[in-house]
Amino acid sequence: MKKKITVYFTPISFEVELDDNLDNEEIEEEINRQVYDLQVDEITNDVDIDYWEY
């Protein structure tokens, strides 16, 4: 039997280093790059499962 579940994670906070001379769009792009490209493994290792449901 297969059941589909949804897992909810406790949010985590961390700091990213950004250049001072970026506009808003560049800031968003750089944060995305750091979160999704550079720190994704660290983030997934640090999160805790809050709860799950099916």
PDB file of N, CA and C in Angstrom:
ATOM      1  N   MET A   1       0.843  -1.168   0.000  1.00  0.00           N
ATOM      2  CA  MET A   1       0.000   0.000   0.000  1.00  0.00           C
ATOM      3  C   MET A   1       0.895   1.240   0.000  1.00  0.00           C
ATOM      4  N   LYS A   2       0.513   2.224  -0.771  1.00  0.00           N
ATOM      5  CA  LYS A   2       1.220   3.502  -0.794  1.00  0.00           C
ATOM      6  C   LYS A   2       0.322   4.575  -0.220  1.00  0.00           C
ATOM      7  N   LYS A   3       0.908   5.435   0.559  1.00  0.00           N
ATOM      8  CA  LYS A   3       0.222   6.599   1.112  1.00  0.00           C
ATOM      9  C   LYS A   3       1.051   7.826   0.803  1.00  0.00           C
ATOM     10  N   LYS A   4       0.413   8.879   0.413  1.00  0.00           N
ATOM     11  CA  LYS A   4       1.104  10.145   0.193  1.00  0.00           C
ATOM     12  C   LYS A   4       1.076  10.929   1.499  1.00  0.00           C
ATOM     13  N   ILE A   5       2.235  11.424   1.920  1.00  0.00           N
ATOM     14  CA  ILE A   5       2.325  12.208   3.145  1.00  0.00           C
ATOM     15  C   ILE A   5       2.934  13.574   2.835  1.00  0.00           C
ATOM     16  N   THR A   6       2.686  14.492   3.728  1.00  0.00           N
ATOM     17  CA  THR A   6       3.304  15.805   3.660  1.00  0.00           C
ATOM     18  C   THR A   6       4.119  15.986   4.927  1.00  0.00           C
ATOM     19  N   VAL A   7       5.361  16.398   4.757  1.00  0.00           N
ATOM     20  CA  VAL A   7       6.259  16.600   5.892  1.00  0.00           C
ATOM     21  C   VAL A   7       6.493  18.100   6.042  1.00  0.00           C
ATOM     22  N   TYR A   8       6.324  18.588   7.264  1.00  0.00           N
ATOM     23  CA  TYR A   8       6.517  19.999   7.566  1.00  0.00           C
ATOM     24  C   TYR A   8       7.788  20.158   8.389  1.00  0.00           C
ATOM     25  N   PHE A   9       8.612  21.097   7.970  1.00  0.00           N
ATOM     26  CA  PHE A   9       9.892  21.324   8.626  1.00  0.00           C
ATOM     27  C   PHE A   9       9.853  22.605   9.439  1.00  0.00           C
ATOM     28  N   THR A  10      10.571  22.591  10.541  1.00  0.00           N
ATOM     29  CA  THR A  10      10.738  23.799  11.331  1.00  0.00           C
ATOM     30  C   THR A  10      11.659  24.742  10.551  1.00  0.00           C
ATOM     31  N   PRO A  11      11.261  25.993  10.393  1.00  0.00           N
ATOM     32  CA  PRO A  11      12.119  26.924   9.653  1.00  0.00           C
ATOM     33  C   PRO A  11      13.446  27.157  10.385  1.00  0.00           C
ATOM     34  N   ILE A  12      14.486  27.413   9.627  1.00  0.00           N
ATOM     35  CA  ILE A  12      15.769  27.789  10.207  1.00  0.00           C
ATOM     36  C   ILE A  12      16.163  29.159   9.672  1.00  0.00           C
ATOM     37  N   SER A  13      16.989  29.846  10.397  1.00  0.00           N
ATOM     38  CA  SER A  13      17.497  31.150   9.980  1.00  0.00           C
ATOM     39  C   SER A  13      19.012  31.080   9.915  1.00  0.00           C
ATOM     40  N   PHE A  14      19.565  31.773   8.954  1.00  0.00           N
ATOM     41  CA  PHE A  14      21.013  31.860   8.840  1.00  0.00           C
ATOM     42  C   PHE A  14      21.353  33.141   8.088  1.00  0.00           C
ATOM     43  N   GLU A  15      22.608  33.512   8.134  1.00  0.00           N
ATOM     44  CA  GLU A  15      23.052  34.733   7.483  1.00  0.00           C
ATOM     45  C   GLU A  15      23.717  34.420   6.156  1.00  0.00           C
ATOM     46  N   VAL A  16      23.556  35.332   5.214  1.00  0.00           N
ATOM     47  CA  VAL A  16      24.263  35.248   3.937  1.00  0.00           C
ATOM     48  C   VAL A  16      25.083  36.517   3.785  1.00  0.00           C
ATOM     49  N   GLU A  17      26.173  36.406   3.093  1.00  0.00           N
ATOM     50  CA  GLU A  17      27.053  37.549   2.850  1.00  0.00           C
ATOM     51  C   GLU A  17      26.726  38.129   1.473  1.00  0.00           C
ATOM     52  N   LEU A  18      26.432  39.445   1.440  1.00  0.00           N
ATOM     53  CA  LEU A  18      26.087  40.119   0.190  1.00  0.00           C
ATOM     54  C   LEU A  18      26.981  41.326  -0.015  1.00  0.00           C
ATOM     55  N   ASP A  19      27.263  41.633  -1.268  1.00  0.00           N
ATOM     56  CA  ASP A  19      27.991  42.857  -1.583  1.00  0.00           C
ATOM     57  C   ASP A  19      27.124  44.070  -1.261  1.00  0.00           C
ATOM     58  N   ASP A  20      27.742  45.174  -0.922  1.00  0.00           N
ATOM     59  CA  ASP A  20      27.011  46.382  -0.545  1.00  0.00           C
ATOM     60  C   ASP A  20      26.365  47.107  -1.720  1.00  0.00           C
ATOM     61  N   ASN A  21      26.879  46.912  -2.905  1.00  0.00           N
ATOM     62  CA  ASN A  21      26.451  47.724  -4.043  1.00  0.00           C
ATOM     63  C   ASN A  21      25.387  47.053  -4.908  1.00  0.00           C
ATOM     64  N   LEU A  22      24.580  46.160  -4.361  1.00  0.00           N
ATOM     65  CA  LEU A  22      23.565  45.456  -5.145  1.00  0.00           C
ATOM     66  C   LEU A  22      22.215  46.157  -5.048  1.00  0.00           C
ATOM     67  N   ASP A  23      21.477  46.152  -6.174  1.00  0.00           N
ATOM     68  CA  ASP A  23      20.103  46.657  -6.103  1.00  0.00           C
ATOM     69  C   ASP A  23      19.188  45.514  -5.635  1.00  0.00           C
ATOM     70  N   ASN A  24      17.914  45.794  -5.461  1.00  0.00           N
ATOM     71  CA  ASN A  24      16.987  44.813  -4.893  1.00  0.00           C
ATOM     72  C   ASN A  24      16.909  43.516  -5.709  1.00  0.00           C
ATOM     73  N   GLU A  25      16.882  43.648  -7.009  1.00  0.00           N
ATOM     74  CA  GLU A  25      16.812  42.457  -7.864  1.00  0.00           C
ATOM     75  C   GLU A  25      18.085  41.619  -7.737  1.00  0.00           C
ATOM     76  N   GLU A  26      19.227  42.274  -7.708  1.00  0.00           N
ATOM     77  CA  GLU A  26      20.500  41.564  -7.549  1.00  0.00           C
ATOM     78  C   GLU A  26      20.606  40.904  -6.177  1.00  0.00           C
ATOM     79  N   ILE A  27      20.061  41.553  -5.160  1.00  0.00           N
ATOM     80  CA  ILE A  27      20.061  40.968  -3.818  1.00  0.00           C
ATOM     81  C   ILE A  27      19.266  39.672  -3.832  1.00  0.00           C
ATOM     82  N   GLU A  28      18.078  39.703  -4.422  1.00  0.00           N
ATOM     83  CA  GLU A  28      17.248  38.502  -4.489  1.00  0.00           C
ATOM     84  C   GLU A  28      17.939  37.391  -5.272  1.00  0.00           C
ATOM     85  N   GLU A  29      18.552  37.737  -6.393  1.00  0.00           N
ATOM     86  CA  GLU A  29      19.264  36.741  -7.200  1.00  0.00           C
ATOM     87  C   GLU A  29      20.426  36.125  -6.416  1.00  0.00           C
ATOM     88  N   GLU A  30      21.152  36.937  -5.701  1.00  0.00           N
ATOM     89  CA  GLU A  30      22.304  36.440  -4.942  1.00  0.00           C
ATOM     90  C   GLU A  30      21.856  35.563  -3.772  1.00  0.00           C
ATOM     91  N   ILE A  31      20.789  35.952  -3.099  1.00  0.00           N
ATOM     92  CA  ILE A  31      20.271  35.109  -2.016  1.00  0.00           C
ATOM     93  C   ILE A  31      19.805  33.774  -2.585  1.00  0.00           C
ATOM     94  N   ASN A  32      19.095  33.790  -3.694  1.00  0.00           N
ATOM     95  CA  ASN A  32      18.675  32.540  -4.337  1.00  0.00           C
ATOM     96  C   ASN A  32      19.877  31.668  -4.692  1.00  0.00           C
ATOM     97  N   ARG A  33      20.902  32.273  -5.252  1.00  0.00           N
ATOM     98  CA  ARG A  33      22.088  31.519  -5.630  1.00  0.00           C
ATOM     99  C   ARG A  33      22.728  30.869  -4.404  1.00  0.00           C
ATOM    100  N   GLN A  34      22.855  31.634  -3.340  1.00  0.00           N
ATOM    101  CA  GLN A  34      23.494  31.088  -2.144  1.00  0.00           C
ATOM    102  C   GLN A  34      22.642  29.992  -1.500  1.00  0.00           C
ATOM    103  N   VAL A  35      21.347  30.209  -1.426  1.00  0.00           N
ATOM    104  CA  VAL A  35      20.473  29.230  -0.773  1.00  0.00           C
ATOM    105  C   VAL A  35      20.374  27.956  -1.609  1.00  0.00           C
ATOM    106  N   TYR A  36      20.075  28.086  -2.887  1.00  0.00           N
ATOM    107  CA  TYR A  36      19.802  26.914  -3.713  1.00  0.00           C
ATOM    108  C   TYR A  36      21.054  26.249  -4.271  1.00  0.00           C
ATOM    109  N   ASP A  37      22.108  27.012  -4.489  1.00  0.00           N
ATOM    110  CA  ASP A  37      23.316  26.432  -5.088  1.00  0.00           C
ATOM    111  C   ASP A  37      24.384  26.082  -4.062  1.00  0.00           C
ATOM    112  N   LEU A  38      24.590  26.948  -3.094  1.00  0.00           N
ATOM    113  CA  LEU A  38      25.728  26.782  -2.206  1.00  0.00           C
ATOM    114  C   LEU A  38      25.388  26.134  -0.874  1.00  0.00           C
ATOM    115  N   GLN A  39      24.237  26.437  -0.315  1.00  0.00           N
ATOM    116  CA  GLN A  39      23.964  26.029   1.055  1.00  0.00           C
ATOM    117  C   GLN A  39      22.845  25.002   1.189  1.00  0.00           C
ATOM    118  N   VAL A  40      22.355  24.457   0.094  1.00  0.00           N
ATOM    119  CA  VAL A  40      21.206  23.556   0.171  1.00  0.00           C
ATOM    120  C   VAL A  40      21.502  22.336   1.049  1.00  0.00           C
ATOM    121  N   ASP A  41      22.675  21.757   0.960  1.00  0.00           N
ATOM    122  CA  ASP A  41      23.012  20.592   1.785  1.00  0.00           C
ATOM    123  C   ASP A  41      23.077  20.963   3.262  1.00  0.00           C
ATOM    124  N   GLU A  42      23.682  22.076   3.563  1.00  0.00           N
ATOM    125  CA  GLU A  42      23.759  22.521   4.958  1.00  0.00           C
ATOM    126  C   GLU A  42      22.361  22.783   5.516  1.00  0.00           C
ATOM    127  N   ILE A  43      21.512  23.375   4.721  1.00  0.00           N
ATOM    128  CA  ILE A  43      20.152  23.678   5.163  1.00  0.00           C
ATOM    129  C   ILE A  43      19.387  22.389   5.435  1.00  0.00           C
ATOM    130  N   THR A  44      19.427  21.452   4.512  1.00  0.00           N
ATOM    131  CA  THR A  44      18.666  20.214   4.710  1.00  0.00           C
ATOM    132  C   THR A  44      19.216  19.393   5.864  1.00  0.00           C
ATOM    133  N   ASN A  45      20.495  19.506   6.148  1.00  0.00           N
ATOM    134  CA  ASN A  45      21.062  18.792   7.298  1.00  0.00           C
ATOM    135  C   ASN A  45      20.662  19.429   8.628  1.00  0.00           C
ATOM    136  N   ASP A  46      20.388  20.726   8.620  1.00  0.00           N
ATOM    137  CA  ASP A  46      20.086  21.450   9.859  1.00  0.00           C
ATOM    138  C   ASP A  46      18.608  21.465  10.229  1.00  0.00           C
ATOM    139  N   VAL A  47      17.717  21.190   9.286  1.00  0.00           N
ATOM    140  CA  VAL A  47      16.290  21.292   9.594  1.00  0.00           C
ATOM    141  C   VAL A  47      15.808  20.089  10.390  1.00  0.00           C
ATOM    142  N   ASP A  48      14.771  20.311  11.143  1.00  0.00           N
ATOM    143  CA  ASP A  48      14.115  19.251  11.895  1.00  0.00           C
ATOM    144  C   ASP A  48      12.698  19.080  11.368  1.00  0.00           C
ATOM    145  N   ILE A  49      12.224  17.868  11.376  1.00  0.00           N
ATOM    146  CA  ILE A  49      10.846  17.622  10.988  1.00  0.00           C
ATOM    147  C   ILE A  49       9.952  18.081  12.133  1.00  0.00           C
ATOM    148  N   ASP A  50       9.036  18.953  11.820  1.00  0.00           N
ATOM    149  CA  ASP A  50       8.106  19.467  12.813  1.00  0.00           C
ATOM    150  C   ASP A  50       6.960  18.472  13.010  1.00  0.00           C
ATOM    151  N   TYR A  51       6.325  18.075  11.925  1.00  0.00           N
ATOM    152  CA  TYR A  51       5.273  17.060  11.962  1.00  0.00           C
ATOM    153  C   TYR A  51       4.992  16.588  10.547  1.00  0.00           C
ATOM    154  N   TRP A  52       4.206  15.571  10.413  1.00  0.00           N
ATOM    155  CA  TRP A  52       3.797  15.062   9.112  1.00  0.00           C
ATOM    156  C   TRP A  52       2.327  14.689   9.186  1.00  0.00           C
ATOM    157  N   GLU A  53       1.698  14.621   8.000  1.00  0.00           N
ATOM    158  CA  GLU A  53       0.305  14.231   7.930  1.00  0.00           C
ATOM    159  C   GLU A  53       0.051  13.507   6.621  1.00  0.00           C
ATOM    160  N   TYR A  54      -1.021  12.729   6.581  1.00  0.00           N
ATOM    161  CA  TYR A  54      -1.417  12.078   5.332  1.00  0.00           C
ATOM    162  C   TYR A  54      -2.883  12.246   5.102  1.00  0.00           C
TER     163      TYR A  54
END
